[in-house]
Amino acid sequence: MAGVQVMPAVGAVDVGLGRRRVAAASGSGAGIFVGDSRRRSRRPAACSVRLRQGRGRRGGLAIVCNLGGTYEDDFSDVDKQLMNYFTYKAVRTVMTQLYEMNPPSYRWFYNFVAVNKPTEGKFFLRALVKERQELAERVMITRLHLYGKWIKKCDHAKMYEKISDENLELMRERLMETVIWPTDDTSSEKIG
């Protein structure tokens, strides 16, 4: 939404990803735009501020962001994504092996993968175990082996540096897009 400026409504709070409407305690129907009480988003706001119930340290305001969870997130979603990714990689590896060594099993497995999503690791393996347990065990062993290889090669400091460099590069590109460079039109100006 380039060029659109959103004015905060009464009770709006900036949570880092933009301004989102927060319902006032009085229950006013103020919308996102000033003077617009009719317009409501069909989707919930990506980030919001909620009042925690309870006493002591756990009570008070909490910032909740549906894009990345709460600030106390334990990153279990990342664990799940890694497991799903390694299941996908293991399926590709096993399919390559079957293509070379056992074409009939490859065709069956190819059709199974076309119907079931290997990117949903646990559900995929559960369905595969019911159909062909030996293939499921092979995928599970390959998945564990690939993860072991990745752990040995993964350099967390290097990954942090890559993420940091990419963030910097993206911000630099955006800055270069938004800067209005002065024109070098010295012929029309008089100096002196």
N, C-alpha and C. Protein backbone atom coordinates (compact mmCIF):
# COMPACT_ATOMS: atom_id res chain seq x y z
N MET A 1 0.83 -1.17 0.00
CA MET A 1 0.00 0.00 0.00
C MET A 1 0.87 1.24 0.00
N ALA A 2 1.64 1.38 -1.03
CA ALA A 2 2.51 2.53 -1.13
C ALA A 2 1.68 3.79 -1.30
N GLY A 3 2.06 4.82 -0.59
CA GLY A 3 1.40 6.09 -0.71
C GLY A 3 0.15 6.24 0.14
N VAL A 4 -0.24 5.22 0.89
CA VAL A 4 -1.42 5.29 1.73
C VAL A 4 -0.97 5.50 3.16
N GLN A 5 -1.50 6.51 3.80
CA GLN A 5 -1.15 6.78 5.18
C GLN A 5 -2.35 6.45 6.04
N VAL A 6 -2.16 5.57 7.00
CA VAL A 6 -3.24 5.16 7.89
C VAL A 6 -3.11 5.95 9.18
N MET A 7 -4.16 6.61 9.55
CA MET A 7 -4.17 7.39 10.78
C MET A 7 -4.63 6.50 11.92
N PRO A 8 -3.98 6.56 13.06
CA PRO A 8 -4.38 5.71 14.17
C PRO A 8 -5.73 6.15 14.75
N ALA A 9 -6.54 5.16 15.10
CA ALA A 9 -7.82 5.44 15.75
C ALA A 9 -7.59 5.60 17.24
N VAL A 10 -8.63 5.97 17.95
CA VAL A 10 -8.54 6.10 19.39
C VAL A 10 -8.21 4.74 19.96
N GLY A 11 -7.18 4.66 20.75
CA GLY A 11 -6.78 3.40 21.36
C GLY A 11 -5.82 2.60 20.51
N ALA A 12 -5.28 3.16 19.43
CA ALA A 12 -4.35 2.41 18.59
C ALA A 12 -2.99 2.35 19.25
N VAL A 13 -2.32 1.25 19.03
CA VAL A 13 -1.01 1.04 19.63
C VAL A 13 -0.07 0.58 18.53
N ASP A 14 1.11 1.15 18.47
CA ASP A 14 2.10 0.74 17.49
C ASP A 14 2.85 -0.45 18.06
N VAL A 15 2.79 -1.60 17.37
CA VAL A 15 3.44 -2.80 17.85
C VAL A 15 4.58 -3.24 16.93
N GLY A 16 5.08 -2.34 16.14
CA GLY A 16 6.24 -2.63 15.33
C GLY A 16 5.92 -3.05 13.91
N LEU A 17 4.77 -3.65 13.65
CA LEU A 17 4.41 -4.06 12.31
C LEU A 17 3.36 -3.15 11.71
N GLY A 18 3.18 -2.01 12.28
CA GLY A 18 2.17 -1.08 11.80
C GLY A 18 1.19 -0.79 12.91
N ARG A 19 0.28 0.12 12.66
CA ARG A 19 -0.69 0.46 13.68
C ARG A 19 -1.92 -0.40 13.50
N ARG A 20 -2.38 -0.98 14.59
CA ARG A 20 -3.56 -1.82 14.59
C ARG A 20 -4.54 -1.29 15.61
N ARG A 21 -5.81 -1.47 15.34
CA ARG A 21 -6.84 -0.99 16.24
C ARG A 21 -6.91 -1.89 17.46
N VAL A 22 -7.03 -1.26 18.62
CA VAL A 22 -7.22 -1.96 19.87
C VAL A 22 -8.53 -1.48 20.44
N ALA A 23 -9.40 -2.39 20.76
CA ALA A 23 -10.71 -2.00 21.27
C ALA A 23 -10.55 -1.26 22.58
N ALA A 24 -11.18 -0.12 22.66
CA ALA A 24 -11.12 0.67 23.88
C ALA A 24 -11.98 0.00 24.95
N ALA A 25 -11.71 0.31 26.19
CA ALA A 25 -12.44 -0.30 27.30
C ALA A 25 -13.92 0.03 27.24
N SER A 26 -14.28 1.17 26.68
CA SER A 26 -15.68 1.56 26.61
C SER A 26 -16.41 0.85 25.49
N GLY A 27 -15.68 0.10 24.64
CA GLY A 27 -16.31 -0.64 23.56
C GLY A 27 -16.69 0.24 22.39
N SER A 28 -16.00 1.33 22.18
CA SER A 28 -16.32 2.23 21.07
C SER A 28 -16.07 1.52 19.76
N GLY A 29 -16.81 1.89 18.75
CA GLY A 29 -16.69 1.23 17.45
C GLY A 29 -15.77 1.97 16.52
N ALA A 30 -14.74 2.61 17.01
CA ALA A 30 -13.82 3.35 16.15
C ALA A 30 -13.10 2.39 15.25
N GLY A 31 -13.06 2.69 13.96
CA GLY A 31 -12.40 1.81 13.01
C GLY A 31 -10.93 2.16 12.86
N ILE A 32 -10.33 1.56 11.88
CA ILE A 32 -8.92 1.80 11.62
C ILE A 32 -8.72 3.21 11.09
N PHE A 33 -9.66 3.70 10.29
CA PHE A 33 -9.56 5.02 9.72
C PHE A 33 -10.34 6.01 10.57
N VAL A 34 -9.84 7.23 10.65
CA VAL A 34 -10.49 8.26 11.45
C VAL A 34 -11.89 8.52 10.90
N GLY A 35 -12.89 8.50 11.78
CA GLY A 35 -14.26 8.77 11.39
C GLY A 35 -14.96 7.60 10.72
N ASP A 36 -14.36 6.45 10.69
CA ASP A 36 -14.97 5.30 10.03
C ASP A 36 -15.33 4.26 11.08
N SER A 37 -16.57 4.27 11.51
CA SER A 37 -17.00 3.30 12.51
C SER A 37 -17.64 2.09 11.85
N ARG A 38 -17.88 2.12 10.54
CA ARG A 38 -18.53 1.00 9.87
C ARG A 38 -17.54 -0.04 9.37
N ARG A 39 -16.36 0.39 8.95
CA ARG A 39 -15.42 -0.50 8.30
C ARG A 39 -14.75 -1.42 9.32
N ARG A 40 -14.92 -2.69 9.13
CA ARG A 40 -14.30 -3.69 9.99
C ARG A 40 -13.55 -4.68 9.12
N SER A 41 -12.42 -5.11 9.57
CA SER A 41 -11.65 -6.09 8.83
C SER A 41 -12.29 -7.46 9.01
N ARG A 42 -12.31 -8.24 7.95
CA ARG A 42 -12.84 -9.60 8.05
C ARG A 42 -11.84 -10.53 8.69
N ARG A 43 -10.58 -10.22 8.55
CA ARG A 43 -9.53 -11.03 9.17
C ARG A 43 -9.13 -10.38 10.48
N PRO A 44 -8.69 -11.20 11.44
CA PRO A 44 -8.20 -10.60 12.68
C PRO A 44 -6.89 -9.86 12.43
N ALA A 45 -6.63 -8.85 13.24
CA ALA A 45 -5.39 -8.09 13.10
C ALA A 45 -4.20 -9.00 13.33
N ALA A 46 -3.11 -8.73 12.62
CA ALA A 46 -1.92 -9.57 12.74
C ALA A 46 -1.33 -9.46 14.14
N CYS A 47 -1.39 -8.28 14.72
CA CYS A 47 -0.86 -8.06 16.06
C CYS A 47 -1.87 -7.27 16.86
N SER A 48 -1.96 -7.57 18.12
CA SER A 48 -2.89 -6.86 18.97
C SER A 48 -2.36 -6.83 20.40
N VAL A 49 -2.98 -6.00 21.21
CA VAL A 49 -2.62 -5.91 22.61
C VAL A 49 -3.81 -6.42 23.40
N ARG A 50 -3.55 -7.37 24.28
CA ARG A 50 -4.62 -7.95 25.09
C ARG A 50 -4.31 -7.80 26.56
N LEU A 51 -5.36 -7.69 27.34
CA LEU A 51 -5.21 -7.57 28.79
C LEU A 51 -5.16 -8.97 29.36
N ARG A 52 -4.09 -9.29 30.06
CA ARG A 52 -3.96 -10.59 30.70
C ARG A 52 -4.76 -10.59 31.99
N GLN A 53 -5.40 -11.69 32.24
CA GLN A 53 -6.11 -11.87 33.50
C GLN A 53 -5.15 -12.51 34.50
N GLY A 54 -5.20 -12.11 35.72
CA GLY A 54 -4.34 -12.71 36.73
C GLY A 54 -3.65 -11.65 37.56
N ARG A 55 -2.95 -12.12 38.55
CA ARG A 55 -2.25 -11.21 39.46
C ARG A 55 -0.75 -11.39 39.33
N GLY A 56 -0.04 -10.45 39.87
CA GLY A 56 1.42 -10.54 39.92
C GLY A 56 2.06 -10.27 38.58
N ARG A 57 3.14 -10.99 38.32
CA ARG A 57 3.93 -10.75 37.11
C ARG A 57 3.18 -11.12 35.84
N ARG A 58 2.27 -12.06 35.90
CA ARG A 58 1.58 -12.52 34.71
C ARG A 58 0.43 -11.60 34.28
N GLY A 59 0.00 -10.71 35.17
CA GLY A 59 -1.10 -9.81 34.84
C GLY A 59 -0.61 -8.63 34.02
N GLY A 60 -1.52 -7.87 33.45
CA GLY A 60 -1.16 -6.67 32.71
C GLY A 60 -1.34 -6.85 31.22
N LEU A 61 -0.71 -6.01 30.42
CA LEU A 61 -0.83 -6.07 28.98
C LEU A 61 0.16 -7.05 28.38
N ALA A 62 -0.27 -7.74 27.33
CA ALA A 62 0.61 -8.64 26.60
C ALA A 62 0.45 -8.33 25.12
N ILE A 63 1.55 -8.26 24.41
CA ILE A 63 1.50 -8.05 22.97
C ILE A 63 1.47 -9.42 22.32
N VAL A 64 0.46 -9.66 21.51
CA VAL A 64 0.29 -10.93 20.84
C VAL A 64 0.39 -10.69 19.35
N CYS A 65 1.25 -11.41 18.69
CA CYS A 65 1.42 -11.27 17.25
C CYS A 65 1.20 -12.64 16.61
N ASN A 66 0.15 -12.77 15.81
CA ASN A 66 -0.17 -14.04 15.19
C ASN A 66 0.84 -14.45 14.13
N LEU A 67 1.65 -13.51 13.68
CA LEU A 67 2.66 -13.84 12.68
C LEU A 67 3.81 -14.62 13.28
N GLY A 68 4.20 -14.30 14.51
CA GLY A 68 5.33 -14.97 15.12
C GLY A 68 5.05 -15.47 16.51
N GLY A 69 3.82 -15.37 16.98
CA GLY A 69 3.49 -15.82 18.32
C GLY A 69 3.74 -14.73 19.33
N THR A 70 3.76 -15.12 20.58
CA THR A 70 4.01 -14.16 21.64
C THR A 70 5.52 -14.01 21.83
N TYR A 71 5.90 -13.03 22.61
CA TYR A 71 7.32 -12.82 22.85
C TYR A 71 7.93 -13.91 23.71
N GLU A 72 7.09 -14.69 24.39
CA GLU A 72 7.60 -15.80 25.21
C GLU A 72 7.59 -17.09 24.41
N ASP A 73 7.62 -17.04 23.09
CA ASP A 73 7.50 -18.20 22.23
C ASP A 73 8.67 -19.16 22.46
N ASP A 74 8.38 -20.45 22.37
CA ASP A 74 9.42 -21.46 22.58
C ASP A 74 9.95 -22.05 21.27
N PHE A 75 9.51 -21.53 20.15
CA PHE A 75 9.98 -21.92 18.82
C PHE A 75 9.67 -23.38 18.48
N SER A 76 8.61 -23.93 19.06
CA SER A 76 8.20 -25.30 18.72
C SER A 76 7.75 -25.37 17.26
N ASP A 77 7.25 -24.25 16.72
CA ASP A 77 6.86 -24.23 15.32
C ASP A 77 8.07 -24.40 14.41
N VAL A 78 9.22 -23.89 14.83
CA VAL A 78 10.44 -24.06 14.05
C VAL A 78 10.86 -25.53 14.06
N ASP A 79 10.75 -26.16 15.22
CA ASP A 79 11.07 -27.59 15.31
C ASP A 79 10.20 -28.40 14.36
N LYS A 80 8.91 -28.08 14.34
CA LYS A 80 7.99 -28.79 13.46
C LYS A 80 8.34 -28.57 11.99
N GLN A 81 8.68 -27.32 11.64
CA GLN A 81 9.05 -27.03 10.25
C GLN A 81 10.33 -27.78 9.85
N LEU A 82 11.28 -27.86 10.76
CA LEU A 82 12.52 -28.60 10.47
C LEU A 82 12.22 -30.08 10.25
N MET A 83 11.39 -30.64 11.12
CA MET A 83 11.05 -32.06 10.96
C MET A 83 10.32 -32.30 9.65
N ASN A 84 9.40 -31.41 9.31
CA ASN A 84 8.68 -31.54 8.04
C ASN A 84 9.63 -31.41 6.85
N TYR A 85 10.58 -30.49 6.95
CA TYR A 85 11.53 -30.30 5.86
C TYR A 85 12.42 -31.53 5.69
N PHE A 86 12.90 -32.08 6.80
CA PHE A 86 13.76 -33.26 6.69
C PHE A 86 12.98 -34.47 6.22
N THR A 87 11.69 -34.55 6.52
CA THR A 87 10.85 -35.61 5.96
C THR A 87 10.78 -35.46 4.45
N TYR A 88 10.55 -34.23 4.00
CA TYR A 88 10.50 -33.94 2.55
C TYR A 88 11.81 -34.32 1.88
N LYS A 89 12.94 -33.92 2.47
CA LYS A 89 14.25 -34.24 1.89
C LYS A 89 14.47 -35.75 1.86
N ALA A 90 14.05 -36.45 2.92
CA ALA A 90 14.22 -37.90 2.96
C ALA A 90 13.37 -38.57 1.89
N VAL A 91 12.15 -38.09 1.68
CA VAL A 91 11.29 -38.64 0.63
C VAL A 91 11.95 -38.46 -0.73
N ARG A 92 12.50 -37.29 -0.99
CA ARG A 92 13.19 -37.07 -2.27
C ARG A 92 14.38 -38.01 -2.44
N THR A 93 15.14 -38.21 -1.35
CA THR A 93 16.30 -39.10 -1.40
C THR A 93 15.87 -40.53 -1.67
N VAL A 94 14.85 -41.00 -0.95
CA VAL A 94 14.38 -42.37 -1.13
C VAL A 94 13.79 -42.55 -2.53
N MET A 95 13.09 -41.54 -3.03
CA MET A 95 12.55 -41.64 -4.39
C MET A 95 13.67 -41.76 -5.42
N THR A 96 14.74 -41.01 -5.24
CA THR A 96 15.89 -41.10 -6.16
C THR A 96 16.51 -42.49 -6.10
N GLN A 97 16.65 -43.04 -4.89
CA GLN A 97 17.21 -44.38 -4.74
C GLN A 97 16.31 -45.43 -5.40
N LEU A 98 14.99 -45.31 -5.19
CA LEU A 98 14.06 -46.27 -5.77
C LEU A 98 14.04 -46.17 -7.30
N TYR A 99 14.15 -44.96 -7.83
CA TYR A 99 14.16 -44.76 -9.27
C TYR A 99 15.31 -45.52 -9.91
N GLU A 100 16.45 -45.52 -9.23
CA GLU A 100 17.64 -46.18 -9.76
C GLU A 100 17.63 -47.69 -9.54
N MET A 101 17.07 -48.15 -8.39
CA MET A 101 17.20 -49.55 -8.03
C MET A 101 15.92 -50.37 -8.10
N ASN A 102 14.75 -49.75 -8.00
CA ASN A 102 13.51 -50.51 -7.95
C ASN A 102 12.38 -49.71 -8.60
N PRO A 103 12.32 -49.68 -9.93
CA PRO A 103 11.31 -48.87 -10.63
C PRO A 103 9.85 -49.16 -10.25
N PRO A 104 9.43 -50.41 -10.02
CA PRO A 104 8.03 -50.61 -9.61
C PRO A 104 7.70 -49.96 -8.26
N SER A 105 8.60 -50.06 -7.30
CA SER A 105 8.39 -49.39 -6.01
C SER A 105 8.42 -47.88 -6.16
N TYR A 106 9.28 -47.41 -7.09
CA TYR A 106 9.34 -45.98 -7.35
C TYR A 106 8.00 -45.47 -7.85
N ARG A 107 7.38 -46.20 -8.81
CA ARG A 107 6.09 -45.77 -9.35
C ARG A 107 5.02 -45.73 -8.26
N TRP A 108 5.00 -46.76 -7.42
CA TRP A 108 4.02 -46.78 -6.34
C TRP A 108 4.26 -45.60 -5.38
N PHE A 109 5.52 -45.40 -5.01
CA PHE A 109 5.86 -44.34 -4.06
C PHE A 109 5.59 -42.97 -4.67
N TYR A 110 5.87 -42.80 -5.95
CA TYR A 110 5.59 -41.55 -6.64
C TYR A 110 4.10 -41.22 -6.58
N ASN A 111 3.27 -42.21 -6.86
CA ASN A 111 1.82 -42.00 -6.79
C ASN A 111 1.37 -41.70 -5.37
N PHE A 112 1.97 -42.36 -4.39
CA PHE A 112 1.63 -42.11 -2.99
C PHE A 112 1.99 -40.68 -2.60
N VAL A 113 3.17 -40.22 -3.02
CA VAL A 113 3.62 -38.86 -2.71
C VAL A 113 2.74 -37.83 -3.41
N ALA A 114 2.26 -38.16 -4.61
CA ALA A 114 1.39 -37.23 -5.33
C ALA A 114 0.07 -37.02 -4.60
N VAL A 115 -0.41 -38.04 -3.90
CA VAL A 115 -1.69 -37.95 -3.19
C VAL A 115 -1.49 -37.39 -1.78
N ASN A 116 -0.43 -37.78 -1.11
CA ASN A 116 -0.14 -37.35 0.27
C ASN A 116 1.00 -36.34 0.25
N LYS A 117 0.93 -35.37 1.14
CA LYS A 117 1.94 -34.31 1.16
C LYS A 117 3.11 -34.70 2.07
N PRO A 118 4.31 -34.86 1.51
CA PRO A 118 5.46 -35.17 2.37
C PRO A 118 5.90 -33.99 3.22
N THR A 119 5.38 -32.79 2.92
CA THR A 119 5.74 -31.62 3.73
C THR A 119 5.00 -31.60 5.06
N GLU A 120 4.02 -32.47 5.22
CA GLU A 120 3.35 -32.65 6.52
C GLU A 120 3.84 -33.97 7.09
N GLY A 121 5.07 -33.94 7.60
CA GLY A 121 5.84 -35.12 7.96
C GLY A 121 5.13 -36.19 8.75
N LYS A 122 4.56 -35.84 9.89
CA LYS A 122 3.98 -36.84 10.78
C LYS A 122 2.78 -37.53 10.12
N PHE A 123 1.91 -36.75 9.49
CA PHE A 123 0.73 -37.32 8.83
C PHE A 123 1.14 -38.18 7.63
N PHE A 124 2.14 -37.71 6.90
CA PHE A 124 2.63 -38.45 5.75
C PHE A 124 3.18 -39.81 6.18
N LEU A 125 4.03 -39.80 7.20
CA LEU A 125 4.63 -41.05 7.65
C LEU A 125 3.59 -41.99 8.27
N ARG A 126 2.62 -41.43 8.96
CA ARG A 126 1.55 -42.24 9.54
C ARG A 126 0.79 -42.98 8.43
N ALA A 127 0.49 -42.27 7.34
CA ALA A 127 -0.22 -42.90 6.22
C ALA A 127 0.67 -43.91 5.50
N LEU A 128 1.96 -43.60 5.38
CA LEU A 128 2.89 -44.50 4.70
C LEU A 128 3.09 -45.78 5.48
N VAL A 129 3.15 -45.70 6.79
CA VAL A 129 3.31 -46.90 7.63
C VAL A 129 2.14 -47.85 7.42
N LYS A 130 0.94 -47.30 7.25
CA LYS A 130 -0.24 -48.14 7.04
C LYS A 130 -0.19 -48.84 5.69
N GLU A 131 0.42 -48.19 4.68
CA GLU A 131 0.46 -48.76 3.33
C GLU A 131 1.66 -49.69 3.13
N ARG A 132 2.84 -49.16 3.40
CA ARG A 132 4.08 -49.92 3.21
C ARG A 132 5.06 -49.55 4.33
N GLN A 133 5.11 -50.40 5.33
CA GLN A 133 5.91 -50.10 6.51
C GLN A 133 7.40 -50.04 6.19
N GLU A 134 7.89 -50.91 5.29
CA GLU A 134 9.32 -50.92 4.99
C GLU A 134 9.76 -49.61 4.36
N LEU A 135 8.91 -49.03 3.51
CA LEU A 135 9.25 -47.73 2.92
C LEU A 135 9.21 -46.63 3.97
N ALA A 136 8.24 -46.70 4.87
CA ALA A 136 8.14 -45.69 5.93
C ALA A 136 9.38 -45.74 6.82
N GLU A 137 9.81 -46.93 7.17
CA GLU A 137 11.02 -47.06 8.00
C GLU A 137 12.23 -46.51 7.27
N ARG A 138 12.30 -46.77 5.98
CA ARG A 138 13.42 -46.26 5.18
C ARG A 138 13.42 -44.73 5.16
N VAL A 139 12.25 -44.11 5.01
CA VAL A 139 12.15 -42.65 5.02
C VAL A 139 12.54 -42.11 6.39
N MET A 140 12.08 -42.77 7.46
CA MET A 140 12.41 -42.30 8.81
C MET A 140 13.90 -42.38 9.09
N ILE A 141 14.53 -43.48 8.68
CA ILE A 141 15.98 -43.63 8.90
C ILE A 141 16.74 -42.59 8.07
N THR A 142 16.32 -42.39 6.83
CA THR A 142 16.96 -41.39 5.96
C THR A 142 16.80 -40.00 6.54
N ARG A 143 15.61 -39.70 7.07
CA ARG A 143 15.36 -38.39 7.69
C ARG A 143 16.31 -38.15 8.86
N LEU A 144 16.47 -39.14 9.70
CA LEU A 144 17.37 -39.00 10.84
C LEU A 144 18.82 -38.85 10.39
N HIS A 145 19.21 -39.60 9.37
CA HIS A 145 20.57 -39.49 8.83
C HIS A 145 20.84 -38.10 8.25
N LEU A 146 19.87 -37.59 7.46
CA LEU A 146 20.04 -36.26 6.88
C LEU A 146 20.13 -35.18 7.96
N TYR A 147 19.33 -35.32 9.02
CA TYR A 147 19.39 -34.35 10.11
C TYR A 147 20.77 -34.41 10.78
N GLY A 148 21.29 -35.61 11.00
CA GLY A 148 22.62 -35.75 11.59
C GLY A 148 23.70 -35.09 10.75
N LYS A 149 23.61 -35.26 9.43
CA LYS A 149 24.57 -34.61 8.53
C LYS A 149 24.44 -33.09 8.62
N TRP A 150 23.20 -32.60 8.67
CA TRP A 150 22.97 -31.15 8.73
C TRP A 150 23.53 -30.57 10.02
N ILE A 151 23.33 -31.25 11.13
CA ILE A 151 23.82 -30.76 12.42
C ILE A 151 25.34 -30.62 12.40
N LYS A 152 26.01 -31.57 11.78
CA LYS A 152 27.48 -31.51 11.71
C LYS A 152 27.95 -30.35 10.83
N LYS A 153 27.19 -30.03 9.78
CA LYS A 153 27.60 -28.97 8.87
C LYS A 153 27.08 -27.59 9.26
N CYS A 154 26.06 -27.54 10.09
CA CYS A 154 25.43 -26.27 10.43
C CYS A 154 26.35 -25.43 11.31
N ASP A 155 26.62 -24.24 10.89
CA ASP A 155 27.41 -23.28 11.65
C ASP A 155 26.47 -22.15 12.06
N HIS A 156 26.07 -22.16 13.34
CA HIS A 156 25.07 -21.21 13.80
C HIS A 156 25.55 -19.76 13.70
N ALA A 157 26.82 -19.52 13.95
CA ALA A 157 27.35 -18.16 13.83
C ALA A 157 27.31 -17.68 12.38
N LYS A 158 27.63 -18.60 11.46
CA LYS A 158 27.59 -18.25 10.05
C LYS A 158 26.16 -18.00 9.59
N MET A 159 25.21 -18.79 10.09
CA MET A 159 23.81 -18.59 9.75
C MET A 159 23.32 -17.24 10.28
N TYR A 160 23.70 -16.90 11.49
CA TYR A 160 23.33 -15.61 12.07
C TYR A 160 23.87 -14.47 11.20
N GLU A 161 25.11 -14.63 10.77
CA GLU A 161 25.74 -13.61 9.92
C GLU A 161 25.03 -13.49 8.57
N LYS A 162 24.63 -14.64 7.99
CA LYS A 162 23.91 -14.61 6.71
C LYS A 162 22.57 -13.88 6.85
N ILE A 163 21.85 -14.18 7.93
CA ILE A 163 20.56 -13.51 8.14
C ILE A 163 20.77 -12.03 8.33
N SER A 164 21.75 -11.66 9.13
CA SER A 164 22.04 -10.25 9.39
C SER A 164 22.44 -9.53 8.10
N ASP A 165 23.30 -10.15 7.29
CA ASP A 165 23.72 -9.54 6.04
C ASP A 165 22.56 -9.39 5.06
N GLU A 166 21.70 -10.40 4.99
CA GLU A 166 20.55 -10.31 4.09
C GLU A 166 19.59 -9.21 4.53
N ASN A 167 19.37 -9.10 5.84
CA ASN A 167 18.51 -8.02 6.36
C ASN A 167 19.09 -6.66 5.99
N LEU A 168 20.39 -6.50 6.16
CA LEU A 168 21.05 -5.25 5.83
C LEU A 168 20.96 -4.95 4.34
N GLU A 169 21.16 -5.97 3.52
CA GLU A 169 21.07 -5.79 2.07
C GLU A 169 19.66 -5.36 1.65
N LEU A 170 18.65 -6.01 2.22
CA LEU A 170 17.27 -5.65 1.88
C LEU A 170 16.93 -4.23 2.31
N MET A 171 17.38 -3.83 3.48
CA MET A 171 17.12 -2.47 3.95
C MET A 171 17.87 -1.45 3.10
N ARG A 172 19.08 -1.79 2.69
CA ARG A 172 19.85 -0.90 1.82
C ARG A 172 19.16 -0.75 0.47
N GLU A 173 18.66 -1.85 -0.11
CA GLU A 173 17.94 -1.77 -1.38
C GLU A 173 16.70 -0.90 -1.24
N ARG A 174 15.97 -1.06 -0.15
CA ARG A 174 14.77 -0.26 0.06
C ARG A 174 15.11 1.21 0.21
N LEU A 175 16.20 1.51 0.91
CA LEU A 175 16.64 2.89 1.07
C LEU A 175 17.00 3.50 -0.28
N MET A 176 17.69 2.74 -1.11
CA MET A 176 18.07 3.24 -2.42
C MET A 176 16.85 3.48 -3.30
N GLU A 177 15.78 2.69 -3.11
CA GLU A 177 14.55 2.89 -3.87
C GLU A 177 13.82 4.15 -3.44
N THR A 178 13.92 4.50 -2.17
CA THR A 178 13.12 5.60 -1.65
C THR A 178 13.84 6.94 -1.64
N VAL A 179 15.15 6.94 -1.79
CA VAL A 179 15.91 8.20 -1.77
C VAL A 179 15.69 8.94 -3.08
N ILE A 180 15.42 10.21 -2.98
CA ILE A 180 15.27 11.06 -4.17
C ILE A 180 16.62 11.75 -4.37
N TRP A 181 17.30 11.33 -5.41
CA TRP A 181 18.62 11.86 -5.67
C TRP A 181 18.50 13.23 -6.37
N PRO A 182 19.35 14.18 -5.98
CA PRO A 182 19.29 15.49 -6.65
C PRO A 182 19.80 15.35 -8.09
N THR A 183 19.19 16.10 -8.97
CA THR A 183 19.63 16.06 -10.36
C THR A 183 20.88 16.91 -10.51
N ASP A 184 21.73 16.51 -11.39
CA ASP A 184 22.97 17.23 -11.64
C ASP A 184 22.77 18.12 -12.86
N ASP A 185 21.90 19.11 -12.70
CA ASP A 185 21.56 20.01 -13.80
C ASP A 185 22.21 21.37 -13.52
N THR A 186 23.52 21.45 -13.67
CA THR A 186 24.26 22.68 -13.39
C THR A 186 24.14 23.71 -14.51
N SER A 187 23.71 23.27 -15.68
CA SER A 187 23.64 24.21 -16.80
C SER A 187 22.52 25.24 -16.60
N SER A 188 21.46 24.87 -15.87
CA SER A 188 20.36 25.81 -15.72
C SER A 188 20.53 26.72 -14.50
N GLU A 189 21.45 26.36 -13.60
CA GLU A 189 21.66 27.19 -12.41
C GLU A 189 22.83 28.14 -12.64
N LYS A 190 22.71 29.32 -12.03
CA LYS A 190 23.81 30.30 -12.08
C LYS A 190 24.51 30.27 -10.75
N ILE A 191 25.78 30.10 -10.80
CA ILE A 191 26.57 30.10 -9.58
C ILE A 191 27.22 31.47 -9.45
N GLY A 192 27.09 32.01 -8.26
CA GLY A 192 27.87 33.20 -8.07
C GLY A 192 27.14 34.40 -7.81
